[in-house]
PDB file of all heavy atoms in Angstrom:
ATOM      1  N   ASN A   1     167.819-205.351 -84.424  1.00  0.00           N
ATOM      2  CA  ASN A   1     166.455-205.788 -84.714  1.00  0.00           C
ATOM      3  C   ASN A   1     166.093-205.467 -86.154  1.00  0.00           C
ATOM      4  O   ASN A   1     166.571-204.483 -86.721  1.00  0.00           O
ATOM      5  CB  ASN A   1     165.457-205.089 -83.777  1.00  0.00           C
ATOM      6  CG  ASN A   1     165.731-205.381 -82.320  1.00  0.00           C
ATOM      7  OD1 ASN A   1     165.927-206.524 -81.937  1.00  0.00           O
ATOM      8  ND2 ASN A   1     165.770-204.340 -81.500  1.00  0.00           N
ATOM      9  N   TYR A   2     165.232-206.273 -86.739  1.00  0.00           N
ATOM     10  CA  TYR A   2     164.699-205.947 -88.059  1.00  0.00           C
ATOM     11  C   TYR A   2     163.249-206.385 -88.130  1.00  0.00           C
ATOM     12  O   TYR A   2     162.805-207.275 -87.407  1.00  0.00           O
ATOM     13  CB  TYR A   2     165.524-206.592 -89.181  1.00  0.00           C
ATOM     14  CG  TYR A   2     165.340-208.082 -89.339  1.00  0.00           C
ATOM     15  CD1 TYR A   2     164.381-208.608 -90.216  1.00  0.00           C
ATOM     16  CD2 TYR A   2     166.141-208.991 -88.637  1.00  0.00           C
ATOM     17  CE1 TYR A   2     164.223-209.981 -90.373  1.00  0.00           C
ATOM     18  CE2 TYR A   2     165.984-210.358 -88.779  1.00  0.00           C
ATOM     19  CZ  TYR A   2     165.024-210.846 -89.653  1.00  0.00           C
ATOM     20  OH  TYR A   2     164.861-212.204 -89.806  1.00  0.00           O
ATOM     21  N   SER A   3     162.501-205.730 -89.013  1.00  0.00           N
ATOM     22  CA  SER A   3     161.087-206.045 -89.180  1.00  0.00           C
ATOM     23  C   SER A   3     160.671-205.750 -90.609  1.00  0.00           C
ATOM     24  O   SER A   3     161.295-204.933 -91.300  1.00  0.00           O
ATOM     25  CB  SER A   3     160.228-205.235 -88.199  1.00  0.00           C
ATOM     26  OG  SER A   3     160.540-203.857 -88.274  1.00  0.00           O
ATOM     27  N   SER A   4     159.613-206.422 -91.045  1.00  0.00           N
ATOM     28  CA  SER A   4     159.108-206.278 -92.407  1.00  0.00           C
ATOM     29  C   SER A   4     157.981-205.250 -92.436  1.00  0.00           C
ATOM     30  O   SER A   4     157.123-205.248 -91.548  1.00  0.00           O
ATOM     31  CB  SER A   4     158.613-207.630 -92.925  1.00  0.00           C
ATOM     32  OG  SER A   4     158.083-207.513 -94.228  1.00  0.00           O
ATOM     33  N   TRP A   5     157.982-204.392 -93.459  1.00  0.00           N
ATOM     34  CA  TRP A   5     157.006-203.307 -93.551  1.00  0.00           C
ATOM     35  C   TRP A   5     156.411-203.219 -94.957  1.00  0.00           C
ATOM     36  O   TRP A   5     157.032-203.653 -95.932  1.00  0.00           O
ATOM     37  CB  TRP A   5     157.663-201.972 -93.215  1.00  0.00           C
ATOM     38  CG  TRP A   5     158.100-201.845 -91.799  1.00  0.00           C
ATOM     39  CD1 TRP A   5     159.229-202.374 -91.231  1.00  0.00           C
ATOM     40  CD2 TRP A   5     157.418-201.151 -90.750  1.00  0.00           C
ATOM     41  NE1 TRP A   5     159.299-202.052 -89.899  1.00  0.00           N
ATOM     42  CE2 TRP A   5     158.199-201.300 -89.573  1.00  0.00           C
ATOM     43  CE3 TRP A   5     156.239-200.410 -90.685  1.00  0.00           C
ATOM     44  CZ2 TRP A   5     157.832-200.735 -88.353  1.00  0.00           C
ATOM     45  CZ3 TRP A   5     155.876-199.846 -89.474  1.00  0.00           C
ATOM     46  CH2 TRP A   5     156.658-200.015 -88.329  1.00  0.00           C
ATOM     47  N   LYS A   6     155.216-202.638 -95.035  1.00  0.00           N
ATOM     48  CA  LYS A   6     154.628-202.277 -96.324  1.00  0.00           C
ATOM     49  C   LYS A   6     155.020-200.853 -96.708  1.00  0.00           C
ATOM     50  O   LYS A   6     155.111-200.533 -97.895  1.00  0.00           O
ATOM     51  CB  LYS A   6     153.104-202.400 -96.259  1.00  0.00           C
ATOM     52  CG  LYS A   6     152.623-203.833 -96.039  1.00  0.00           C
ATOM     53  CD  LYS A   6     151.114-203.894 -95.906  1.00  0.00           C
ATOM     54  CE  LYS A   6     150.655-205.328 -95.661  1.00  0.00           C
ATOM     55  NZ  LYS A   6     149.187-205.422 -95.455  1.00  0.00           N
ATOM     56  N   ALA A   7     155.213-200.009 -95.698  1.00  0.00           N
ATOM     57  CA  ALA A   7     155.705-198.653 -95.901  1.00  0.00           C
ATOM     58  C   ALA A   7     156.373-198.220 -94.603  1.00  0.00           C
ATOM     59  O   ALA A   7     155.832-198.465 -93.521  1.00  0.00           O
ATOM     60  CB  ALA A   7     154.573-197.700 -96.269  1.00  0.00           C
ATOM     61  N   ALA A   8     157.534-197.603 -94.699  1.00  0.00           N
ATOM     62  CA  ALA A   8     158.278-197.260 -93.490  1.00  0.00           C
ATOM     63  C   ALA A   8     159.114-196.016 -93.729  1.00  0.00           C
ATOM     64  O   ALA A   8     159.402-195.639 -94.870  1.00  0.00           O
ATOM     65  CB  ALA A   8     159.168-198.426 -93.056  1.00  0.00           C
ATOM     66  N   CYS A   9     159.508-195.398 -92.630  1.00  0.00           N
ATOM     67  CA  CYS A   9     160.357-194.209 -92.684  1.00  0.00           C
ATOM     68  C   CYS A   9     161.358-194.268 -91.540  1.00  0.00           C
ATOM     69  O   CYS A   9     161.023-194.692 -90.424  1.00  0.00           O
ATOM     70  CB  CYS A   9     159.502-192.945 -92.583  1.00  0.00           C
ATOM     71  SG  CYS A   9     160.471-191.422 -92.550  1.00  0.00           S
ATOM     72  N   ILE A  10     162.587-193.848 -91.799  1.00  0.00           N
ATOM     73  CA  ILE A  10     163.609-193.704 -90.773  1.00  0.00           C
ATOM     74  C   ILE A  10     164.233-192.326 -90.925  1.00  0.00           C
ATOM     75  O   ILE A  10     164.152-191.697 -91.975  1.00  0.00           O
ATOM     76  CB  ILE A  10     164.698-194.799 -90.877  1.00  0.00           C
ATOM     77  CG1 ILE A  10     165.312-194.824 -92.285  1.00  0.00           C
ATOM     78  CG2 ILE A  10     164.137-196.159 -90.508  1.00  0.00           C
ATOM     79  CD1 ILE A  10     166.445-195.829 -92.446  1.00  0.00           C
ATOM     80  N   GLY A  11     164.850-191.857 -89.839  1.00  0.00           N
ATOM     81  CA  GLY A  11     165.486-190.551 -89.889  1.00  0.00           C
ATOM     82  C   GLY A  11     164.630-189.477 -89.242  1.00  0.00           C
ATOM     83  O   GLY A  11     163.720-189.754 -88.451  1.00  0.00           O
ATOM     84  N   GLU A  12     164.899-188.239 -89.613  1.00  0.00           N
ATOM     85  CA  GLU A  12     164.230-187.090 -89.013  1.00  0.00           C
ATOM     86  C   GLU A  12     162.737-187.089 -89.354  1.00  0.00           C
ATOM     87  O   GLU A  12     162.337-187.437 -90.470  1.00  0.00           O
ATOM     88  CB  GLU A  12     164.888-185.795 -89.509  1.00  0.00           C
ATOM     89  CG  GLU A  12     164.505-184.573 -88.731  1.00  0.00           C
ATOM     90  CD  GLU A  12     165.305-183.350 -89.157  1.00  0.00           C
ATOM     91  OE1 GLU A  12     165.935-183.400 -90.229  1.00  0.00           O
ATOM     92  OE2 GLU A  12     165.292-182.361 -88.411  1.00  0.00           O
ATOM     93  N   ASN A  13     161.925-186.707 -88.386  1.00  0.00           N
ATOM     94  CA  ASN A  13     160.469-186.616 -88.553  1.00  0.00           C
ATOM     95  C   ASN A  13     159.839-187.949 -88.950  1.00  0.00           C
ATOM     96  O   ASN A  13     158.813-187.969 -89.634  1.00  0.00           O
ATOM     97  CB  ASN A  13     160.107-185.543 -89.593  1.00  0.00           C
ATOM     98  CG  ASN A  13     160.446-184.144 -89.124  1.00  0.00           C
ATOM     99  OD1 ASN A  13     160.356-183.830 -87.946  1.00  0.00           O
ATOM    100  ND2 ASN A  13     160.846-183.295 -90.060  1.00  0.00           N
ATOM    101  N   TYR A  14     160.441-189.054 -88.517  1.00  0.00           N
ATOM    102  CA  TYR A  14     159.921-190.350 -88.921  1.00  0.00           C
ATOM    103  C   TYR A  14     158.530-190.616 -88.364  1.00  0.00           C
ATOM    104  O   TYR A  14     157.715-191.296 -89.002  1.00  0.00           O
ATOM    105  CB  TYR A  14     160.869-191.471 -88.496  1.00  0.00           C
ATOM    106  CG  TYR A  14     160.924-191.734 -87.012  1.00  0.00           C
ATOM    107  CD1 TYR A  14     160.110-192.694 -86.426  1.00  0.00           C
ATOM    108  CD2 TYR A  14     161.787-191.015 -86.197  1.00  0.00           C
ATOM    109  CE1 TYR A  14     160.154-192.920 -85.058  1.00  0.00           C
ATOM    110  CE2 TYR A  14     161.832-191.247 -84.837  1.00  0.00           C
ATOM    111  CZ  TYR A  14     161.017-192.199 -84.272  1.00  0.00           C
ATOM    112  OH  TYR A  14     161.053-192.421 -82.923  1.00  0.00           O
ATOM    113  N   SER A  15     158.226-190.075 -87.176  1.00  0.00           N
ATOM    114  CA  SER A  15     156.906-190.320 -86.587  1.00  0.00           C
ATOM    115  C   SER A  15     155.803-189.653 -87.396  1.00  0.00           C
ATOM    116  O   SER A  15     154.736-190.252 -87.614  1.00  0.00           O
ATOM    117  CB  SER A  15     156.870-189.830 -85.135  1.00  0.00           C
ATOM    118  OG  SER A  15     157.190-188.453 -85.057  1.00  0.00           O
ATOM    119  N   ASN A  16     156.039-188.426 -87.872  1.00  0.00           N
ATOM    120  CA  ASN A  16     155.057-187.748 -88.717  1.00  0.00           C
ATOM    121  C   ASN A  16     154.887-188.479 -90.039  1.00  0.00           C
ATOM    122  O   ASN A  16     153.764-188.632 -90.540  1.00  0.00           O
ATOM    123  CB  ASN A  16     155.490-186.300 -88.984  1.00  0.00           C
ATOM    124  CG  ASN A  16     155.462-185.454 -87.738  1.00  0.00           C
ATOM    125  OD1 ASN A  16     154.740-185.756 -86.782  1.00  0.00           O
ATOM    126  ND2 ASN A  16     156.247-184.382 -87.728  1.00  0.00           N
ATOM    127  N   ALA A  17     155.997-188.938 -90.600  1.00  0.00           N
ATOM    128  CA  ALA A  17     155.940-189.662 -91.868  1.00  0.00           C
ATOM    129  C   ALA A  17     155.164-190.966 -91.721  1.00  0.00           C
ATOM    130  O   ALA A  17     154.365-191.335 -92.583  1.00  0.00           O
ATOM    131  CB  ALA A  17     157.347-189.934 -92.385  1.00  0.00           C
ATOM    132  N   GLN A  18     155.403-191.682 -90.618  1.00  0.00           N
ATOM    133  CA  GLN A  18     154.691-192.941 -90.389  1.00  0.00           C
ATOM    134  C   GLN A  18     153.190-192.706 -90.268  1.00  0.00           C
ATOM    135  O   GLN A  18     152.383-193.516 -90.728  1.00  0.00           O
ATOM    136  CB  GLN A  18     155.216-193.620 -89.129  1.00  0.00           C
ATOM    137  CG  GLN A  18     156.551-194.319 -89.291  1.00  0.00           C
ATOM    138  CD  GLN A  18     156.503-195.514 -90.231  1.00  0.00           C
ATOM    139  OE1 GLN A  18     157.434-195.753 -90.991  1.00  0.00           O
ATOM    140  NE2 GLN A  18     155.438-196.279 -90.194  1.00  0.00           N
ATOM    141  N   SER A  19     152.792-191.599 -89.655  1.00  0.00           N
ATOM    142  CA  SER A  19     151.368-191.288 -89.524  1.00  0.00           C
ATOM    143  C   SER A  19     150.722-191.070 -90.888  1.00  0.00           C
ATOM    144  O   SER A  19     149.625-191.562 -91.155  1.00  0.00           O
ATOM    145  CB  SER A  19     151.182-190.043 -88.645  1.00  0.00           C
ATOM    146  OG  SER A  19     151.664-190.257 -87.347  1.00  0.00           O
ATOM    147  N   ILE A  20     151.428-190.354 -91.759  1.00  0.00           N
ATOM    148  CA  ILE A  20     150.892-190.108 -93.107  1.00  0.00           C
ATOM    149  C   ILE A  20     150.830-191.409 -93.902  1.00  0.00           C
ATOM    150  O   ILE A  20     149.838-191.695 -94.582  1.00  0.00           O
ATOM    151  CB  ILE A  20     151.764-189.069 -93.842  1.00  0.00           C
ATOM    152  CG1 ILE A  20     151.764-187.741 -93.083  1.00  0.00           C
ATOM    153  CG2 ILE A  20     151.257-188.860 -95.270  1.00  0.00           C
ATOM    154  CD1 ILE A  20     152.737-186.727 -93.633  1.00  0.00           C
ATOM    155  N   LEU A  21     151.885-192.205 -93.809  1.00  0.00           N
ATOM    156  CA  LEU A  21     151.908-193.480 -94.524  1.00  0.00           C
ATOM    157  C   LEU A  21     150.774-194.393 -94.057  1.00  0.00           C
ATOM    158  O   LEU A  21     150.129-195.075 -94.858  1.00  0.00           O
ATOM    159  CB  LEU A  21     153.255-194.169 -94.325  1.00  0.00           C
ATOM    160  CG  LEU A  21     154.468-193.524 -95.007  1.00  0.00           C
ATOM    161  CD1 LEU A  21     155.756-194.175 -94.530  1.00  0.00           C
ATOM    162  CD2 LEU A  21     154.352-193.626 -96.519  1.00  0.00           C
ATOM    163  N   LYS A  22     150.531-194.403 -92.759  1.00  0.00           N
ATOM    164  CA  LYS A  22     149.476-195.246 -92.208  1.00  0.00           C
ATOM    165  C   LYS A  22     148.106-194.836 -92.732  1.00  0.00           C
ATOM    166  O   LYS A  22     147.236-195.674 -93.007  1.00  0.00           O
ATOM    167  CB  LYS A  22     149.506-195.169 -90.678  1.00  0.00           C
ATOM    168  CG  LYS A  22     148.537-196.116 -89.995  1.00  0.00           C
ATOM    169  CD  LYS A  22     148.688-196.053 -88.487  1.00  0.00           C
ATOM    170  CE  LYS A  22     147.716-197.010 -87.807  1.00  0.00           C
ATOM    171  NZ  LYS A  22     147.863-196.953 -86.308  1.00  0.00           N
ATOM    172  N   GLN A  23     147.897-193.536 -92.900  1.00  0.00           N
ATOM    173  CA  GLN A  23     146.612-193.035 -93.364  1.00  0.00           C
ATOM    174  C   GLN A  23     146.424-193.207 -94.867  1.00  0.00           C
ATOM    175  O   GLN A  23     145.322-193.521 -95.330  1.00  0.00           O
ATOM    176  CB  GLN A  23     146.468-191.553 -93.008  1.00  0.00           C
ATOM    177  CG  GLN A  23     146.388-191.282 -91.518  1.00  0.00           C
ATOM    178  CD  GLN A  23     146.397-189.795 -91.210  1.00  0.00           C
ATOM    179  OE1 GLN A  23     146.475-188.963 -92.115  1.00  0.00           O
ATOM    180  NE2 GLN A  23     146.341-189.448 -89.931  1.00  0.00           N
ATOM    181  N   GLU A  24     147.492-193.009 -95.633  1.00  0.00           N
ATOM    182  CA  GLU A  24     147.370-192.937 -97.087  1.00  0.00           C
ATOM    183  C   GLU A  24     147.690-194.244 -97.813  1.00  0.00           C
ATOM    184  O   GLU A  24     147.328-194.396 -98.981  1.00  0.00           O
ATOM    185  CB  GLU A  24     148.296-191.836 -97.627  1.00  0.00           C
ATOM    186  CG  GLU A  24     148.011-190.455 -97.071  1.00  0.00           C
ATOM    187  CD  GLU A  24     146.655-189.928 -97.495  1.00  0.00           C
ATOM    188  OE1 GLU A  24     146.150-190.375 -98.543  1.00  0.00           O
ATOM    189  OE2 GLU A  24     146.107-189.084 -96.768  1.00  0.00           O
ATOM    190  N   TYR A  25     148.346-195.163 -97.145  1.00  0.00           N
ATOM    191  CA  TYR A  25     148.746-196.398 -97.827  1.00  0.00           C
ATOM    192  C   TYR A  25     147.525-197.264 -98.142  1.00  0.00           C
ATOM    193  O   TYR A  25     146.664-197.469 -97.278  1.00  0.00           O
ATOM    194  CB  TYR A  25     149.738-197.187 -96.967  1.00  0.00           C
ATOM    195  CG  TYR A  25     150.333-198.387 -97.678  1.00  0.00           C
ATOM    196  CD1 TYR A  25     151.430-198.243 -98.518  1.00  0.00           C
ATOM    197  CD2 TYR A  25     149.786-199.656 -97.528  1.00  0.00           C
ATOM    198  CE1 TYR A  25     151.978-199.323 -99.176  1.00  0.00           C
ATOM    199  CE2 TYR A  25     150.319-200.743 -98.189  1.00  0.00           C
ATOM    200  CZ  TYR A  25     151.411-200.569 -99.003  1.00  0.00           C
ATOM    201  OH  TYR A  25     151.946-201.662 -99.660  1.00  0.00           O
ATOM    202  N   LYS A  26     147.471-197.771 -99.356  1.00  0.00           N
ATOM    203  CA  LYS A  26     146.361-198.625 -99.797  1.00  0.00           C
ATOM    204  C   LYS A  26     146.704-200.079 -99.496  1.00  0.00           C
ATOM    205  O   LYS A  26     147.566-200.674-100.143  1.00  0.00           O
ATOM    206  CB  LYS A  26     146.106-198.446-101.287  1.00  0.00           C
ATOM    207  CG  LYS A  26     145.676-197.034-101.668  1.00  0.00           C
ATOM    208  CD  LYS A  26     145.485-196.916-103.171  1.00  0.00           C
ATOM    209  CE  LYS A  26     145.105-195.499-103.573  1.00  0.00           C
ATOM    210  NZ  LYS A  26     144.976-195.366-105.052  1.00  0.00           N
ATOM    211  N   ASP A  27     146.013-200.628 -98.521  1.00  0.00           N
ATOM    212  CA  ASP A  27     146.277-201.996 -98.087  1.00  0.00           C
ATOM    213  C   ASP A  27     145.301-202.949 -98.744  1.00  0.00           C
ATOM    214  O   ASP A  27     144.100-202.708 -98.771  1.00  0.00           O
ATOM    215  CB  ASP A  27     146.166-202.081 -96.568  1.00  0.00           C
ATOM    216  CG  ASP A  27     146.632-203.424 -96.023  1.00  0.00           C
ATOM    217  OD1 ASP A  27     147.187-204.206 -96.805  1.00  0.00           O
ATOM    218  OD2 ASP A  27     146.447-203.664 -94.826  1.00  0.00           O
ATOM    219  N   GLU A  28     145.808-204.072 -99.239  1.00  0.00           N
ATOM    220  CA  GLU A  28     144.966-205.068 -99.923  1.00  0.00           C
ATOM    221  C   GLU A  28     143.888-205.616 -99.005  1.00  0.00           C
ATOM    222  O   GLU A  28     142.725-205.738 -99.365  1.00  0.00           O
ATOM    223  CB  GLU A  28     145.847-206.196-100.450  1.00  0.00           C
ATOM    224  CG  GLU A  28     145.093-207.284-101.216  1.00  0.00           C
ATOM    225  CD  GLU A  28     144.696-208.444-100.319  1.00  0.00           C
ATOM    226  OE1 GLU A  28     145.372-208.679 -99.327  1.00  0.00           O
ATOM    227  OE2 GLU A  28     143.676-209.080-100.612  1.00  0.00           O
ATOM    228  N   GLU A  29     144.246-205.953 -97.782  1.00  0.00           N
ATOM    229  CA  GLU A  29     143.289-206.547 -96.867  1.00  0.00           C
ATOM    230  C   GLU A  29     142.203-205.562 -96.475  1.00  0.00           C
ATOM    231  O   GLU A  29     141.055-205.923 -96.269  1.00  0.00           O
ATOM    232  CB  GLU A  29     144.014-207.048 -95.611  1.00  0.00           C
ATOM    233  CG  GLU A  29     144.997-208.179 -95.892  1.00  0.00           C
ATOM    234  CD  GLU A  29     145.714-208.607 -94.630  1.00  0.00           C
ATOM    235  OE1 GLU A  29     145.461-207.980 -93.576  1.00  0.00           O
ATOM    236  OE2 GLU A  29     146.501-209.561 -94.687  1.00  0.00           O
ATOM    237  N   LYS A  30     142.577-204.276 -96.386  1.00  0.00           N
ATOM    238  CA  LYS A  30     141.631-203.283 -95.926  1.00  0.00           C
ATOM    239  C   LYS A  30     140.771-202.738 -97.055  1.00  0.00           C
ATOM    240  O   LYS A  30     139.580-202.509 -96.902  1.00  0.00           O
ATOM    241  CB  LYS A  30     142.405-202.135 -95.269  1.00  0.00           C
ATOM    242  CG  LYS A  30     141.538-201.133 -94.535  1.00  0.00           C
ATOM    243  CD  LYS A  30     142.407-200.057 -93.910  1.00  0.00           C
ATOM    244  CE  LYS A  30     143.356-200.643 -92.888  1.00  0.00           C
ATOM    245  NZ  LYS A  30     144.159-199.590 -92.229  1.00  0.00           N
ATOM    246  N   ASP A  31     141.400-202.518 -98.241  1.00  0.00           N
ATOM    247  CA  ASP A  31     140.699-201.850 -99.322  1.00  0.00           C
ATOM    248  C   ASP A  31     140.015-202.795-100.290  1.00  0.00           C
ATOM    249  O   ASP A  31     139.002-202.452-100.865  1.00  0.00           O
ATOM    250  CB  ASP A  31     141.689-200.961-100.105  1.00  0.00           C
ATOM    251  CG  ASP A  31     142.260-199.857 -99.234  1.00  0.00           C
ATOM    252  OD1 ASP A  31     141.586-199.512 -98.246  1.00  0.00           O
ATOM    253  OD2 ASP A  31     143.352-199.369 -99.531  1.00  0.00           O
ATOM    254  N   GLU A  32     140.560-203.988-100.511  1.00  0.00           N
ATOM    255  CA  GLU A  32     139.990-204.910-101.475  1.00  0.00           C
ATOM    256  C   GLU A  32     139.969-206.323-100.906  1.00  0.00           C
ATOM    257  O   GLU A  32     140.692-207.198-101.354  1.00  0.00           O
ATOM    258  CB  GLU A  32     140.779-204.875-102.785  1.00  0.00           C
ATOM    259  CG  GLU A  32     140.751-203.516-103.474  1.00  0.00           C
ATOM    260  CD  GLU A  32     141.372-203.591-104.858  1.00  0.00           C
ATOM    261  OE1 GLU A  32     141.371-204.683-105.462  1.00  0.00           O
ATOM    262  OE2 GLU A  32     141.856-202.561-105.333  1.00  0.00           O
ATOM    263  N   PRO A  33     139.127-206.566 -99.912  1.00  0.00           N
ATOM    264  CA  PRO A  33     139.131-207.872 -99.263  1.00  0.00           C
ATOM    265  C   PRO A  33     138.637-208.990-100.154  1.00  0.00           C
ATOM    266  O   PRO A  33     138.945-210.140 -99.934  1.00  0.00           O
ATOM    267  CB  PRO A  33     138.189-207.663 -98.067  1.00  0.00           C
ATOM    268  CG  PRO A  33     137.303-206.525 -98.481  1.00  0.00           C
ATOM    269  CD  PRO A  33     138.155-205.645 -99.318  1.00  0.00           C
ATOM    270  N   SER A  34     137.861-208.663-101.190  1.00  0.00           N
ATOM    271  CA  SER A  34     137.293-209.702-102.038  1.00  0.00           C
ATOM    272  C   SER A  34     138.186-210.090-103.201  1.00  0.00           C
ATOM    273  O   SER A  34     137.890-211.031-103.932  1.00  0.00           O
ATOM    274  CB  SER A  34     135.929-209.228-102.585  1.00  0.00           C
ATOM    275  OG  SER A  34     136.095-208.042-103.342  1.00  0.00           O
ATOM    276  N   SER A  35     139.268-209.358-103.414  1.00  0.00           N
ATOM    277  CA  SER A  35     140.123-209.673-104.548  1.00  0.00           C
ATOM    278  C   SER A  35     140.935-210.920-104.260  1.00  0.00           C
ATOM    279  O   SER A  35     141.269-211.223-103.128  1.00  0.00           O
ATOM    280  CB  SER A  35     141.073-208.496-104.842  1.00  0.00           C
ATOM    281  OG  SER A  35     141.979-208.350-103.798  1.00  0.00           O
ATOM    282  N   GLY A  36     141.275-211.622-105.314  1.00  0.00           N
ATOM    283  CA  GLY A  36     142.015-212.865-105.152  1.00  0.00           C
ATOM    284  C   GLY A  36     143.506-212.685-105.158  1.00  0.00           C
ATOM    285  O   GLY A  36     144.259-213.638-105.035  1.00  0.00           O
ATOM    286  N   THR A  37     143.984-211.448-105.306  1.00  0.00           N
ATOM    287  CA  THR A  37     145.413-211.200-105.371  1.00  0.00           C
ATOM    288  C   THR A  37     146.006-211.151-103.974  1.00  0.00           C
ATOM    289  O   THR A  37     145.327-210.925-102.988  1.00  0.00           O
ATOM    290  CB  THR A  37     145.694-209.865-106.085  1.00  0.00           C
ATOM    291  OG1 THR A  37     145.026-208.818-105.377  1.00  0.00           O
ATOM    292  CG2 THR A  37     145.178-209.918-107.510  1.00  0.00           C
ATOM    293  N   VAL A  38     147.297-211.372-103.929  1.00  0.00           N
ATOM    294  CA  VAL A  38     148.017-211.355-102.657  1.00  0.00           C
ATOM    295  C   VAL A  38     149.010-210.216-102.688  1.00  0.00           C
ATOM    296  O   VAL A  38     149.716-210.015-103.670  1.00  0.00           O
ATOM    297  CB  VAL A  38     148.746-212.693-102.423  1.00  0.00           C
ATOM    298  CG1 VAL A  38     149.539-212.640-101.134  1.00  0.00           C
ATOM    299  CG2 VAL A  38     147.746-213.833-102.397  1.00  0.00           C
ATOM    300  N   GLY A  39     149.099-209.441-101.588  1.00  0.00           N
ATOM    301  CA  GLY A  39     150.083-208.378-101.507  1.00  0.00           C
ATOM    302  C   GLY A  39     149.445-207.012-101.627  1.00  0.00           C
ATOM    303  O   GLY A  39     148.235-206.857-101.662  1.00  0.00           O
ATOM    304  N   ALA A  40     150.290-206.003-101.676  1.00  0.00           N
ATOM    305  CA  ALA A  40     149.833-204.622-101.693  1.00  0.00           C
ATOM    306  C   ALA A  40     149.118-204.300-102.997  1.00  0.00           C
ATOM    307  O   ALA A  40     149.449-204.817-104.054  1.00  0.00           O
ATOM    308  CB  ALA A  40     151.024-203.692-101.512  1.00  0.00           C
TER     309      ALA A  40
END
């Protein structure tokens, strides 16, 4: 299986890393919905 990510972690402690990435990652759709740019 494969999937596309904006931020990802594999290996040891991946679940803790994913939680931090989910909280700290700056998402274009969430943080700047009015901007005309596409992507992170």
